[in-house]
Amino acid sequence: MIGDLGSVTDHPAATADTLADDLRSAHIRVREAAGQRVRRQITVTAQKPADVLGVYVCLPAGSS
């Protein structure tokens, strides 16, 4: 099971791309709010693959 983590890498990769886009947008908004010149060529790149920090295994509750 843990050795098969390759099958779930699509979701973290997509989330990383979304967060990179959000960070770029936030950076531009802060620069505009501060009255600074905004360079629209700013790029933010997600560093993939994402690190797996933990694995949770959910088991059904035992009968009493």
N, C-alpha and C. Protein backbone atom coordinates (compact mmCIF):
# COMPACT_ATOMS: atom_id res chain seq x y z
N MET A 1 0.82 -1.19 0.00
CA MET A 1 0.00 0.00 0.00
C MET A 1 0.87 1.26 0.00
N ILE A 2 1.78 1.37 0.95
CA ILE A 2 2.63 2.56 0.99
C ILE A 2 3.55 2.59 -0.22
N GLY A 3 3.95 1.43 -0.70
CA GLY A 3 4.80 1.39 -1.87
C GLY A 3 4.09 1.81 -3.15
N ASP A 4 2.77 1.94 -3.11
CA ASP A 4 1.98 2.29 -4.28
C ASP A 4 1.54 3.76 -4.24
N LEU A 5 2.34 4.62 -3.62
CA LEU A 5 1.97 6.04 -3.53
C LEU A 5 1.99 6.73 -4.88
N GLY A 6 2.65 6.14 -5.85
CA GLY A 6 2.70 6.74 -7.17
C GLY A 6 1.32 6.91 -7.80
N SER A 7 0.36 6.12 -7.35
CA SER A 7 -0.99 6.20 -7.92
C SER A 7 -1.77 7.40 -7.41
N VAL A 8 -1.28 8.10 -6.40
CA VAL A 8 -2.02 9.24 -5.85
C VAL A 8 -1.26 10.56 -6.02
N THR A 9 -0.30 10.61 -6.91
CA THR A 9 0.49 11.83 -7.08
C THR A 9 -0.20 12.90 -7.91
N ASP A 10 -1.24 12.55 -8.63
CA ASP A 10 -1.93 13.55 -9.46
C ASP A 10 -2.58 14.64 -8.63
N HIS A 11 -3.22 14.27 -7.53
CA HIS A 11 -3.91 15.26 -6.70
C HIS A 11 -2.93 16.25 -6.06
N PRO A 12 -1.85 15.81 -5.39
CA PRO A 12 -0.90 16.79 -4.85
C PRO A 12 -0.27 17.67 -5.93
N ALA A 13 -0.02 17.12 -7.10
CA ALA A 13 0.57 17.91 -8.18
C ALA A 13 -0.40 18.98 -8.65
N ALA A 14 -1.66 18.64 -8.79
CA ALA A 14 -2.67 19.62 -9.21
C ALA A 14 -2.85 20.69 -8.13
N THR A 15 -2.84 20.28 -6.87
CA THR A 15 -2.96 21.24 -5.77
C THR A 15 -1.76 22.18 -5.76
N ALA A 16 -0.58 21.67 -6.00
CA ALA A 16 0.63 22.50 -6.04
C ALA A 16 0.54 23.54 -7.15
N ASP A 17 0.03 23.16 -8.31
CA ASP A 17 -0.13 24.11 -9.41
C ASP A 17 -1.13 25.19 -9.06
N THR A 18 -2.23 24.81 -8.41
CA THR A 18 -3.24 25.78 -8.00
C THR A 18 -2.68 26.76 -6.99
N LEU A 19 -1.93 26.25 -6.01
CA LEU A 19 -1.33 27.12 -5.00
C LEU A 19 -0.28 28.06 -5.61
N ALA A 20 0.46 27.59 -6.59
CA ALA A 20 1.43 28.45 -7.26
C ALA A 20 0.72 29.59 -7.98
N ASP A 21 -0.39 29.30 -8.64
CA ASP A 21 -1.17 30.34 -9.32
C ASP A 21 -1.74 31.34 -8.32
N ASP A 22 -2.24 30.83 -7.19
CA ASP A 22 -2.77 31.70 -6.14
C ASP A 22 -1.69 32.61 -5.56
N LEU A 23 -0.49 32.07 -5.36
CA LEU A 23 0.61 32.85 -4.82
C LEU A 23 1.01 33.97 -5.78
N ARG A 24 1.06 33.66 -7.07
CA ARG A 24 1.39 34.67 -8.06
C ARG A 24 0.36 35.79 -8.05
N SER A 25 -0.92 35.43 -8.01
CA SER A 25 -1.98 36.44 -7.99
C SER A 25 -1.90 37.31 -6.74
N ALA A 26 -1.65 36.68 -5.59
CA ALA A 26 -1.54 37.43 -4.34
C ALA A 26 -0.36 38.39 -4.38
N HIS A 27 0.75 37.95 -4.94
CA HIS A 27 1.93 38.80 -5.03
C HIS A 27 1.64 40.04 -5.87
N ILE A 28 0.96 39.84 -6.98
CA ILE A 28 0.62 40.98 -7.85
C ILE A 28 -0.34 41.92 -7.13
N ARG A 29 -1.33 41.38 -6.42
CA ARG A 29 -2.28 42.23 -5.69
C ARG A 29 -1.58 43.06 -4.62
N VAL A 30 -0.64 42.47 -3.89
CA VAL A 30 0.08 43.20 -2.84
C VAL A 30 0.92 44.31 -3.45
N ARG A 31 1.59 44.02 -4.55
CA ARG A 31 2.39 45.06 -5.21
C ARG A 31 1.51 46.21 -5.68
N GLU A 32 0.35 45.88 -6.26
CA GLU A 32 -0.56 46.93 -6.72
C GLU A 32 -1.08 47.75 -5.55
N ALA A 33 -1.42 47.10 -4.45
CA ALA A 33 -1.93 47.80 -3.27
C ALA A 33 -0.87 48.71 -2.66
N ALA A 34 0.38 48.33 -2.79
CA ALA A 34 1.47 49.14 -2.24
C ALA A 34 1.89 50.26 -3.19
N GLY A 35 1.25 50.32 -4.35
CA GLY A 35 1.55 51.37 -5.32
C GLY A 35 2.84 51.14 -6.07
N GLN A 36 3.34 49.93 -6.04
CA GLN A 36 4.57 49.62 -6.76
C GLN A 36 4.27 49.24 -8.20
N ARG A 37 5.29 49.37 -9.01
CA ARG A 37 5.15 48.95 -10.40
C ARG A 37 5.05 47.43 -10.43
N VAL A 38 4.07 46.93 -11.15
CA VAL A 38 3.81 45.49 -11.18
C VAL A 38 4.33 44.91 -12.49
N ARG A 39 5.17 43.90 -12.36
CA ARG A 39 5.65 43.18 -13.54
C ARG A 39 4.78 41.94 -13.69
N ARG A 40 4.02 41.89 -14.75
CA ARG A 40 3.12 40.75 -14.98
C ARG A 40 3.88 39.51 -15.42
N GLN A 41 5.17 39.64 -15.67
CA GLN A 41 5.95 38.49 -16.10
C GLN A 41 6.39 37.62 -14.93
N ILE A 42 5.98 37.95 -13.72
CA ILE A 42 6.37 37.17 -12.55
C ILE A 42 5.87 35.74 -12.72
N THR A 43 6.75 34.79 -12.48
CA THR A 43 6.36 33.39 -12.58
C THR A 43 6.58 32.71 -11.24
N VAL A 44 5.68 31.84 -10.91
CA VAL A 44 5.78 30.99 -9.72
C VAL A 44 5.63 29.56 -10.20
N THR A 45 6.58 28.73 -9.83
CA THR A 45 6.58 27.34 -10.29
C THR A 45 6.50 26.41 -9.10
N ALA A 46 5.56 25.50 -9.14
CA ALA A 46 5.44 24.49 -8.09
C ALA A 46 6.60 23.51 -8.20
N GLN A 47 7.21 23.19 -7.08
CA GLN A 47 8.31 22.24 -7.06
C GLN A 47 7.74 20.85 -6.86
N LYS A 48 7.74 20.06 -7.91
CA LYS A 48 7.13 18.74 -7.86
C LYS A 48 8.20 17.68 -8.01
N PRO A 49 8.00 16.51 -7.50
CA PRO A 49 6.83 15.99 -6.82
C PRO A 49 6.77 16.49 -5.37
N ALA A 50 5.57 16.57 -4.86
CA ALA A 50 5.37 17.00 -3.48
C ALA A 50 5.88 15.93 -2.52
N ASP A 51 6.42 16.38 -1.39
CA ASP A 51 6.88 15.45 -0.37
C ASP A 51 5.69 14.84 0.36
N VAL A 52 5.74 13.56 0.62
CA VAL A 52 4.71 12.90 1.41
C VAL A 52 5.18 12.91 2.86
N LEU A 53 4.46 13.62 3.71
CA LEU A 53 4.86 13.77 5.10
C LEU A 53 4.21 12.74 6.02
N GLY A 54 3.18 12.10 5.56
CA GLY A 54 2.52 11.10 6.39
C GLY A 54 1.53 10.29 5.58
N VAL A 55 1.25 9.12 6.07
CA VAL A 55 0.27 8.24 5.43
C VAL A 55 -0.69 7.79 6.52
N TYR A 56 -1.96 8.00 6.30
CA TYR A 56 -2.98 7.58 7.25
C TYR A 56 -3.73 6.38 6.70
N VAL A 57 -3.91 5.39 7.53
CA VAL A 57 -4.68 4.21 7.14
C VAL A 57 -5.91 4.18 8.01
N CYS A 58 -7.07 4.28 7.39
CA CYS A 58 -8.34 4.30 8.13
C CYS A 58 -8.90 2.88 8.17
N LEU A 59 -9.12 2.40 9.36
CA LEU A 59 -9.67 1.07 9.56
C LEU A 59 -11.05 1.16 10.19
N PRO A 60 -11.93 0.23 9.90
CA PRO A 60 -13.25 0.27 10.53
C PRO A 60 -13.12 -0.02 12.01
N ALA A 61 -14.08 0.52 12.77
CA ALA A 61 -14.08 0.30 14.22
C ALA A 61 -14.34 -1.17 14.50
N GLY A 62 -13.67 -1.71 15.49
CA GLY A 62 -13.86 -3.11 15.87
C GLY A 62 -15.18 -3.31 16.58
N SER A 63 -15.69 -4.52 16.52
CA SER A 63 -16.95 -4.81 17.22
C SER A 63 -16.65 -5.08 18.68
N SER A 64 -17.59 -4.74 19.54
CA SER A 64 -17.37 -4.91 20.98
C SER A 64 -17.95 -6.20 21.50
